[in-house]
Amino acid sequence: MSDLLTEAIMHAAEVRRGDFFPVLFAHVVTYDPTQHAVQVMIPAYTGGEGTPTMSGWIPLMSPMVGNGFGVQFCLHGGATYSNPTGGELVVLFVMDDSTGAFMAAMPFFTPAPFMPPPGTTQTLKSGELLIKHESGSNVYMKSTGDVVVAGSTNSATTITIANNGEVTVNVGGSNNVNITGSGQPLLQLGAGGDALALVSALVTAFNSHTHLGVTTGSGVSGIPQTAWTASTIKSTKAATDG
C-alpha cells in the first residue's frame, strides 16, 4: 500500500468519534448502471467471525450530473467476502452508521501496480483533461486547445480537432474511412457543395468527353477535345475550398 494511502487511512482513524468513523474505505462489489450505485465491502466493519460487512446499494458520486446527462463511469467491482479488496477502492461518507446510511465518493487512483492514472503514459500538462477507456481509446483535451480522439491501441486511429478549426484524420494500418448516413447530401465539402455532386460531375464529364485524332485500328487517340480543368468540377459548386 502506498504511503499516501496509509496516511489517509491513519487520518480517518484519528478523526473518528468513539467507534463512529465519519469516513471509511471500501471496495466495490458490484455496480448498477441504471442507478449509478454500488454495493461495497467494508473491511473496517466486521461481523462476529471477523468477516467484512457488505453494504446495500449506495449512490456513487460523479463529477457532473444532469437530467439524463453527465459523466457516468461503469465500475468493474469484484470484491467478495473471501477477497474484500478485490474491487475498486472508494471512500464512504458515513451519514449514520447505525442505519447503514452512506454516500460513496468517487473512486481514486493508486500508484502502480494497483490502479495508476492514465496520465502516466500520456504526460498531462496543467489544465488538460484525459478520458481513457481500458481498451486504450481516449479523448484528450490539450492545453493548446486541440482535441484528440484516439481509437484503441490496436487501431492506432486518431481524429485531431485543432485549435484553428482544422480537422485531421489519421487511419491506422490498412483500415478504411467510412462515411454513412441516411440524409442527402451525405457529405458536404466547402461552402455548401456536396460530395455526391462532385462524383456526378466526374461521371458526366467522363461520359460526354470526345477526342481529336481518332483513327481506326490500334492507334492511340489524341487528347480530349475539351480538356478537363479545375473549373470543370468547380462549376458544380462542389469545390473543396468553397
C-alpha atoms as a PDB file:
ATOM      1  CA  MET A   1       0.000   0.000   0.000  1.00  0.00           C
ATOM      2  CA  SER A   2       1.323   3.459  -0.869  1.00  0.00           C
ATOM      3  CA  ASP A   3       2.494   5.948   1.789  1.00  0.00           C
ATOM      4  CA  LEU A   4      -0.191   8.385   0.630  1.00  0.00           C
ATOM      5  CA  LEU A   5      -2.968   5.836   1.106  1.00  0.00           C
ATOM      6  CA  THR A   6      -1.591   4.769   4.502  1.00  0.00           C
ATOM      7  CA  GLU A   7      -1.524   8.387   5.647  1.00  0.00           C
ATOM      8  CA  ALA A   8      -5.139   8.895   4.547  1.00  0.00           C
ATOM      9  CA  ILE A   9      -6.306   5.826   6.474  1.00  0.00           C
ATOM     10  CA  MET A  10      -4.465   6.934   9.625  1.00  0.00           C
ATOM     11  CA  HIS A  11      -6.020  10.391   9.363  1.00  0.00           C
ATOM     12  CA  ALA A  12      -9.511   8.881   9.028  1.00  0.00           C
ATOM     13  CA  ALA A  13      -8.892   6.851  12.183  1.00  0.00           C
ATOM     14  CA  GLU A  14      -7.766   9.938  14.108  1.00  0.00           C
ATOM     15  CA  VAL A  15     -10.946  11.914  13.377  1.00  0.00           C
ATOM     16  CA  ARG A  16     -13.377   9.195  14.473  1.00  0.00           C
ATOM     17  CA  ARG A  17     -15.659   9.925  17.395  1.00  0.00           C
ATOM     18  CA  GLY A  18     -15.651   6.898  19.683  1.00  0.00           C
ATOM     19  CA  ASP A  19     -16.469   3.921  17.475  1.00  0.00           C
ATOM     20  CA  PHE A  20     -18.021   6.134  14.797  1.00  0.00           C
ATOM     21  CA  PHE A  21     -15.984   6.544  11.615  1.00  0.00           C
ATOM     22  CA  PRO A  22     -17.155   9.556   9.547  1.00  0.00           C
ATOM     23  CA  VAL A  23     -15.028   8.362   6.617  1.00  0.00           C
ATOM     24  CA  LEU A  24     -14.383   4.748   5.627  1.00  0.00           C
ATOM     25  CA  PHE A  25     -12.512   2.990   2.884  1.00  0.00           C
ATOM     26  CA  ALA A  26     -14.414   0.302   0.979  1.00  0.00           C
ATOM     27  CA  HIS A  27     -14.132  -1.811  -2.172  1.00  0.00           C
ATOM     28  CA  VAL A  28     -16.795  -2.170  -4.847  1.00  0.00           C
ATOM     29  CA  VAL A  29     -18.661  -5.481  -5.013  1.00  0.00           C
ATOM     30  CA  THR A  30     -20.963  -4.660  -7.938  1.00  0.00           C
ATOM     31  CA  TYR A  31     -22.238  -1.668  -9.896  1.00  0.00           C
ATOM     32  CA  ASP A  32     -25.762  -0.817 -11.121  1.00  0.00           C
ATOM     33  CA  PRO A  33     -25.615   1.339 -14.295  1.00  0.00           C
ATOM     34  CA  THR A  34     -29.338   2.207 -14.147  1.00  0.00           C
ATOM     35  CA  GLN A  35     -28.925   3.919 -10.771  1.00  0.00           C
ATOM     36  CA  HIS A  36     -25.192   4.704 -10.828  1.00  0.00           C
ATOM     37  CA  ALA A  37     -24.992   2.967  -7.468  1.00  0.00           C
ATOM     38  CA  VAL A  38     -22.661   0.438  -5.879  1.00  0.00           C
ATOM     39  CA  GLN A  39     -22.571  -2.238  -3.238  1.00  0.00           C
ATOM     40  CA  VAL A  40     -19.292  -2.262  -1.346  1.00  0.00           C
ATOM     41  CA  MET A  41     -17.348  -4.434   1.054  1.00  0.00           C
ATOM     42  CA  ILE A  42     -16.301  -2.549   4.212  1.00  0.00           C
ATOM     43  CA  PRO A  43     -13.230  -4.170   5.831  1.00  0.00           C
ATOM     44  CA  ALA A  44     -13.443  -1.815   8.861  1.00  0.00           C
ATOM     45  CA  TYR A  45     -16.868  -3.210   9.781  1.00  0.00           C
ATOM     46  CA  THR A  46     -16.579  -6.885  10.679  1.00  0.00           C
ATOM     47  CA  GLY A  47     -19.072  -9.425  11.879  1.00  0.00           C
ATOM     48  CA  GLY A  48     -18.792 -11.896  14.715  1.00  0.00           C
ATOM     49  CA  GLU A  49     -16.453 -14.167  12.789  1.00  0.00           C
ATOM     50  CA  GLY A  50     -14.281 -11.290  11.626  1.00  0.00           C
ATOM     51  CA  THR A  51     -15.773 -11.205   8.128  1.00  0.00           C
ATOM     52  CA  PRO A  52     -16.148  -7.789   6.456  1.00  0.00           C
ATOM     53  CA  THR A  53     -19.567  -6.198   6.022  1.00  0.00           C
ATOM     54  CA  MET A  54     -21.226  -5.805   2.619  1.00  0.00           C
ATOM     55  CA  SER A  55     -23.405  -2.715   2.207  1.00  0.00           C
ATOM     56  CA  GLY A  56     -26.727  -2.252   0.477  1.00  0.00           C
ATOM     57  CA  TRP A  57     -26.966  -0.040  -2.603  1.00  0.00           C
ATOM     58  CA  ILE A  58     -25.138   3.269  -2.154  1.00  0.00           C
ATOM     59  CA  PRO A  59     -25.270   6.296  -4.522  1.00  0.00           C
ATOM     60  CA  LEU A  60     -21.960   6.803  -6.325  1.00  0.00           C
ATOM     61  CA  MET A  61     -20.774  10.357  -6.901  1.00  0.00           C
ATOM     62  CA  SER A  62     -19.997  11.809 -10.327  1.00  0.00           C
ATOM     63  CA  PRO A  63     -18.045  14.937 -11.382  1.00  0.00           C
ATOM     64  CA  MET A  64     -21.021  16.125 -13.452  1.00  0.00           C
ATOM     65  CA  VAL A  65     -24.724  15.309 -13.069  1.00  0.00           C
ATOM     66  CA  GLY A  66     -27.725  16.469 -15.115  1.00  0.00           C
ATOM     67  CA  ASN A  67     -31.239  15.334 -16.040  1.00  0.00           C
ATOM     68  CA  GLY A  68     -30.337  12.344 -18.188  1.00  0.00           C
ATOM     69  CA  PHE A  69     -26.823  13.583 -18.986  1.00  0.00           C
ATOM     70  CA  GLY A  70     -23.481  13.909 -17.264  1.00  0.00           C
ATOM     71  CA  VAL A  71     -20.346  11.839 -16.665  1.00  0.00           C
ATOM     72  CA  GLN A  72     -21.049   8.193 -15.824  1.00  0.00           C
ATOM     73  CA  PHE A  73     -18.342   5.595 -15.427  1.00  0.00           C
ATOM     74  CA  CYS A  74     -19.138   1.889 -15.101  1.00  0.00           C
ATOM     75  CA  LEU A  75     -17.072   0.191 -12.407  1.00  0.00           C
ATOM     76  CA  HIS A  76     -15.934  -3.427 -12.556  1.00  0.00           C
ATOM     77  CA  GLY A  77     -16.495  -4.381  -8.920  1.00  0.00           C
ATOM     78  CA  GLY A  78     -15.281  -7.788  -7.787  1.00  0.00           C
ATOM     79  CA  ALA A  79     -14.847  -7.553  -4.002  1.00  0.00           C
ATOM     80  CA  THR A  80     -16.069 -10.628  -2.126  1.00  0.00           C
ATOM     81  CA  TYR A  81     -16.084 -11.906   1.448  1.00  0.00           C
ATOM     82  CA  SER A  82     -13.016 -14.016   0.681  1.00  0.00           C
ATOM     83  CA  ASN A  83     -11.359 -11.157  -1.243  1.00  0.00           C
ATOM     84  CA  PRO A  84     -12.737  -7.929   0.283  1.00  0.00           C
ATOM     85  CA  THR A  85     -10.244  -5.697  -1.522  1.00  0.00           C
ATOM     86  CA  GLY A  86     -10.895  -7.167  -4.978  1.00  0.00           C
ATOM     87  CA  GLY A  87     -12.931  -4.245  -6.364  1.00  0.00           C
ATOM     88  CA  GLU A  88     -12.182  -0.579  -6.945  1.00  0.00           C
ATOM     89  CA  LEU A  89     -11.245   1.433  -3.861  1.00  0.00           C
ATOM     90  CA  VAL A  90     -13.752   4.133  -2.848  1.00  0.00           C
ATOM     91  CA  VAL A  91     -14.317   6.391   0.137  1.00  0.00           C
ATOM     92  CA  LEU A  92     -17.583   6.199   2.091  1.00  0.00           C
ATOM     93  CA  PHE A  93     -19.067   9.232   3.793  1.00  0.00           C
ATOM     94  CA  VAL A  94     -20.880   7.786   6.803  1.00  0.00           C
ATOM     95  CA  MET A  95     -24.142   9.643   7.442  1.00  0.00           C
ATOM     96  CA  ASP A  96     -25.467   7.286  10.128  1.00  0.00           C
ATOM     97  CA  ASP A  97     -23.647   4.069  10.827  1.00  0.00           C
ATOM     98  CA  SER A  98     -26.481   2.704  12.987  1.00  0.00           C
ATOM     99  CA  THR A  99     -28.821   2.634   9.984  1.00  0.00           C
ATOM    100  CA  GLY A 100     -26.175   1.995   7.323  1.00  0.00           C
ATOM    101  CA  ALA A 101     -26.707   5.361   5.633  1.00  0.00           C
ATOM    102  CA  PHE A 102     -23.696   6.003   3.416  1.00  0.00           C
ATOM    103  CA  MET A 103     -22.682   8.099   0.441  1.00  0.00           C
ATOM    104  CA  ALA A 104     -19.883   6.751  -1.731  1.00  0.00           C
ATOM    105  CA  ALA A 105     -17.258   9.151  -3.016  1.00  0.00           C
ATOM    106  CA  MET A 106     -15.730   8.684  -6.425  1.00  0.00           C
ATOM    107  CA  PRO A 107     -13.025   6.031  -6.655  1.00  0.00           C
ATOM    108  CA  PHE A 108      -9.469   7.246  -6.890  1.00  0.00           C
ATOM    109  CA  PHE A 109      -6.227   6.132  -8.480  1.00  0.00           C
ATOM    110  CA  THR A 110      -3.495   4.372  -6.537  1.00  0.00           C
ATOM    111  CA  PRO A 111       0.159   4.034  -7.587  1.00  0.00           C
ATOM    112  CA  ALA A 112       1.301   1.137  -9.757  1.00  0.00           C
ATOM    113  CA  PRO A 113       0.915  -1.790  -9.746  1.00  0.00           C
ATOM    114  CA  PHE A 114      -2.579  -1.198  -8.354  1.00  0.00           C
ATOM    115  CA  MET A 115      -4.590   1.365 -10.367  1.00  0.00           C
ATOM    116  CA  PRO A 116      -2.261   4.069 -11.745  1.00  0.00           C
ATOM    117  CA  PRO A 117      -3.801   7.034 -13.603  1.00  0.00           C
ATOM    118  CA  PRO A 118      -3.766   7.044 -17.427  1.00  0.00           C
ATOM    119  CA  GLY A 119      -1.715  10.255 -17.374  1.00  0.00           C
ATOM    120  CA  THR A 120       1.354   8.167 -16.599  1.00  0.00           C
ATOM    121  CA  THR A 121       1.500   7.127 -20.265  1.00  0.00           C
ATOM    122  CA  GLN A 122       0.284  10.461 -21.663  1.00  0.00           C
ATOM    123  CA  THR A 123       2.033  13.113 -19.577  1.00  0.00           C
ATOM    124  CA  LEU A 124      -0.587  15.770 -18.851  1.00  0.00           C
ATOM    125  CA  LYS A 125       0.029  19.485 -18.514  1.00  0.00           C
ATOM    126  CA  SER A 126      -1.828  21.829 -16.177  1.00  0.00           C
ATOM    127  CA  GLY A 127      -5.481  22.234 -17.174  1.00  0.00           C
ATOM    128  CA  GLU A 128      -5.542  19.273 -19.584  1.00  0.00           C
ATOM    129  CA  LEU A 129      -8.244  16.577 -19.484  1.00  0.00           C
ATOM    130  CA  LEU A 130      -7.856  12.920 -20.432  1.00  0.00           C
ATOM    131  CA  ILE A 131     -10.745  10.433 -20.549  1.00  0.00           C
ATOM    132  CA  LYS A 132      -9.380   6.978 -21.332  1.00  0.00           C
ATOM    133  CA  HIS A 133     -11.064   3.577 -21.677  1.00  0.00           C
ATOM    134  CA  GLU A 134      -9.305   0.381 -20.601  1.00  0.00           C
ATOM    135  CA  SER A 135      -9.102  -0.661 -24.285  1.00  0.00           C
ATOM    136  CA  GLY A 136      -6.857   2.355 -24.916  1.00  0.00           C
ATOM    137  CA  SER A 137      -9.406   4.540 -26.747  1.00  0.00           C
ATOM    138  CA  ASN A 138      -9.420   8.048 -25.312  1.00  0.00           C
ATOM    139  CA  VAL A 139     -10.417  11.696 -25.606  1.00  0.00           C
ATOM    140  CA  TYR A 140      -7.547  14.072 -24.861  1.00  0.00           C
ATOM    141  CA  MET A 141      -8.226  17.812 -24.456  1.00  0.00           C
ATOM    142  CA  LYS A 142      -4.854  19.529 -24.673  1.00  0.00           C
ATOM    143  CA  SER A 143      -3.640  22.818 -23.254  1.00  0.00           C
ATOM    144  CA  THR A 144      -3.139  24.057 -26.828  1.00  0.00           C
ATOM    145  CA  GLY A 145      -6.915  23.896 -27.402  1.00  0.00           C
ATOM    146  CA  ASP A 146      -6.562  20.824 -29.618  1.00  0.00           C
ATOM    147  CA  VAL A 147      -8.865  17.848 -29.015  1.00  0.00           C
ATOM    148  CA  VAL A 148      -7.570  14.384 -29.943  1.00  0.00           C
ATOM    149  CA  VAL A 149      -9.940  11.412 -30.207  1.00  0.00           C
ATOM    150  CA  ALA A 150      -7.997   8.158 -30.444  1.00  0.00           C
ATOM    151  CA  GLY A 151      -9.085   4.590 -31.034  1.00  0.00           C
ATOM    152  CA  SER A 152      -7.832   1.619 -29.074  1.00  0.00           C
ATOM    153  CA  THR A 153      -4.154   0.748 -29.007  1.00  0.00           C
ATOM    154  CA  ASN A 154      -4.674  -1.830 -31.766  1.00  0.00           C
ATOM    155  CA  SER A 155      -6.373   0.550 -34.226  1.00  0.00           C
ATOM    156  CA  ALA A 156      -3.937   3.497 -33.831  1.00  0.00           C
ATOM    157  CA  THR A 157      -6.534   5.759 -35.496  1.00  0.00           C
ATOM    158  CA  THR A 158      -6.834   9.378 -34.340  1.00  0.00           C
ATOM    159  CA  ILE A 159      -9.022  12.372 -35.129  1.00  0.00           C
ATOM    160  CA  THR A 160      -7.498  15.722 -34.183  1.00  0.00           C
ATOM    161  CA  ILE A 161      -9.577  18.896 -33.988  1.00  0.00           C
ATOM    162  CA  ALA A 162      -7.007  21.685 -33.922  1.00  0.00           C
ATOM    163  CA  ASN A 163      -7.418  24.998 -32.140  1.00  0.00           C
ATOM    164  CA  ASN A 164      -7.546  26.724 -35.549  1.00  0.00           C
ATOM    165  CA  GLY A 165     -10.515  24.564 -36.628  1.00  0.00           C
ATOM    166  CA  GLU A 166      -8.549  22.187 -38.851  1.00  0.00           C
ATOM    167  CA  VAL A 167      -9.545  18.520 -38.634  1.00  0.00           C
ATOM    168  CA  THR A 168      -7.024  15.754 -39.301  1.00  0.00           C
ATOM    169  CA  VAL A 169      -7.890  12.052 -39.571  1.00  0.00           C
ATOM    170  CA  ASN A 170      -5.037   9.552 -39.284  1.00  0.00           C
ATOM    171  CA  VAL A 171      -6.143   5.990 -40.016  1.00  0.00           C
ATOM    172  CA  GLY A 172      -4.012   3.224 -38.567  1.00  0.00           C
ATOM    173  CA  GLY A 173      -2.960   0.218 -40.605  1.00  0.00           C
ATOM    174  CA  SER A 174      -4.954  -0.595 -43.752  1.00  0.00           C
ATOM    175  CA  ASN A 175      -8.307   0.470 -42.320  1.00  0.00           C
ATOM    176  CA  ASN A 176     -10.824   2.466 -44.348  1.00  0.00           C
ATOM    177  CA  VAL A 177     -12.551   5.760 -43.625  1.00  0.00           C
ATOM    178  CA  ASN A 178     -16.281   5.016 -43.957  1.00  0.00           C
ATOM    179  CA  ILE A 179     -18.890   7.768 -44.024  1.00  0.00           C
ATOM    180  CA  THR A 180     -22.502   6.643 -43.849  1.00  0.00           C
ATOM    181  CA  GLY A 181     -25.813   8.360 -43.303  1.00  0.00           C
ATOM    182  CA  SER A 182     -29.458   8.474 -44.319  1.00  0.00           C
ATOM    183  CA  GLY A 183     -29.717  12.136 -45.312  1.00  0.00           C
ATOM    184  CA  GLN A 184     -28.788  13.881 -48.573  1.00  0.00           C
ATOM    185  CA  PRO A 185     -26.268  15.194 -49.259  1.00  0.00           C
ATOM    186  CA  LEU A 186     -24.230  12.610 -47.389  1.00  0.00           C
ATOM    187  CA  LEU A 187     -21.075  14.705 -47.261  1.00  0.00           C
ATOM    188  CA  GLN A 188     -20.637  18.427 -47.832  1.00  0.00           C
ATOM    189  CA  LEU A 189     -17.381  19.982 -48.962  1.00  0.00           C
ATOM    190  CA  GLY A 190     -16.536  23.632 -48.615  1.00  0.00           C
ATOM    191  CA  ALA A 191     -19.364  26.196 -48.535  1.00  0.00           C
ATOM    192  CA  GLY A 192     -22.359  24.003 -49.289  1.00  0.00           C
ATOM    193  CA  GLY A 193     -21.052  21.795 -52.098  1.00  0.00           C
ATOM    194  CA  ASP A 194     -21.681  18.105 -51.590  1.00  0.00           C
ATOM    195  CA  ALA A 195     -19.592  15.069 -52.487  1.00  0.00           C
ATOM    196  CA  LEU A 196     -22.412  13.423 -54.461  1.00  0.00           C
ATOM    197  CA  ALA A 197     -22.473  16.386 -56.861  1.00  0.00           C
ATOM    198  CA  LEU A 198     -18.700  16.085 -57.226  1.00  0.00           C
ATOM    199  CA  VAL A 199     -18.927  12.431 -58.222  1.00  0.00           C
ATOM    200  CA  SER A 200     -21.822  13.156 -60.602  1.00  0.00           C
ATOM    201  CA  ALA A 201     -19.790  15.886 -62.293  1.00  0.00           C
ATOM    202  CA  LEU A 202     -16.884  13.499 -62.817  1.00  0.00           C
ATOM    203  CA  VAL A 203     -19.164  10.840 -64.328  1.00  0.00           C
ATOM    204  CA  THR A 204     -20.868  13.363 -66.638  1.00  0.00           C
ATOM    205  CA  ALA A 205     -17.558  14.838 -67.783  1.00  0.00           C
ATOM    206  CA  PHE A 206     -16.107  11.401 -68.471  1.00  0.00           C
ATOM    207  CA  ASN A 207     -19.154  10.088 -70.375  1.00  0.00           C
ATOM    208  CA  SER A 208     -19.547  13.180 -72.554  1.00  0.00           C
ATOM    209  CA  HIS A 209     -15.956  13.962 -73.494  1.00  0.00           C
ATOM    210  CA  THR A 210     -14.652  13.459 -77.065  1.00  0.00           C
ATOM    211  CA  HIS A 211     -11.170  13.071 -78.536  1.00  0.00           C
ATOM    212  CA  LEU A 212      -9.313  14.515 -81.507  1.00  0.00           C
ATOM    213  CA  GLY A 213      -7.269  12.465 -83.961  1.00  0.00           C
ATOM    214  CA  VAL A 214      -9.368   9.322 -83.682  1.00  0.00           C
ATOM    215  CA  THR A 215      -8.356   6.601 -86.150  1.00  0.00           C
ATOM    216  CA  THR A 216      -9.366   3.015 -86.679  1.00  0.00           C
ATOM    217  CA  GLY A 217      -7.068   0.213 -85.713  1.00  0.00           C
ATOM    218  CA  SER A 218      -4.710   0.032 -82.795  1.00  0.00           C
ATOM    219  CA  GLY A 219      -3.641   3.678 -82.787  1.00  0.00           C
ATOM    220  CA  VAL A 220      -3.955   5.975 -79.763  1.00  0.00           C
ATOM    221  CA  SER A 221      -6.356   8.885 -79.975  1.00  0.00           C
ATOM    222  CA  GLY A 222      -5.355  12.437 -79.177  1.00  0.00           C
ATOM    223  CA  ILE A 223      -6.192  14.439 -76.069  1.00  0.00           C
ATOM    224  CA  PRO A 224      -9.837  15.210 -75.230  1.00  0.00           C
ATOM    225  CA  GLN A 225     -11.346  17.885 -77.455  1.00  0.00           C
ATOM    226  CA  THR A 226     -12.270  19.805 -74.325  1.00  0.00           C
ATOM    227  CA  ALA A 227      -9.553  19.253 -71.750  1.00  0.00           C
ATOM    228  CA  TRP A 228     -10.579  18.845 -68.145  1.00  0.00           C
ATOM    229  CA  THR A 229      -9.568  21.625 -65.781  1.00  0.00           C
ATOM    230  CA  ALA A 230     -10.295  22.533 -62.200  1.00  0.00           C
ATOM    231  CA  SER A 231     -13.205  24.671 -63.418  1.00  0.00           C
ATOM    232  CA  THR A 232     -14.861  21.540 -64.832  1.00  0.00           C
ATOM    233  CA  ILE A 233     -15.553  20.437 -61.268  1.00  0.00           C
ATOM    234  CA  LYS A 234     -15.819  23.844 -59.639  1.00  0.00           C
ATOM    235  CA  SER A 235     -18.799  24.647 -61.824  1.00  0.00           C
ATOM    236  CA  THR A 236     -20.831  22.155 -59.776  1.00  0.00           C
ATOM    237  CA  LYS A 237     -20.242  24.232 -56.602  1.00  0.00           C
ATOM    238  CA  ALA A 238     -18.631  21.201 -55.054  1.00  0.00           C
ATOM    239  CA  ALA A 239     -15.171  22.701 -54.744  1.00  0.00           C
ATOM    240  CA  THR A 240     -13.371  21.723 -51.569  1.00  0.00           C
ATOM    241  CA  ASP A 241     -12.334  25.312 -50.911  1.00  0.00           C
ATOM    242  CA  GLY A 242     -15.921  26.656 -51.076  1.00  0.00           C
END
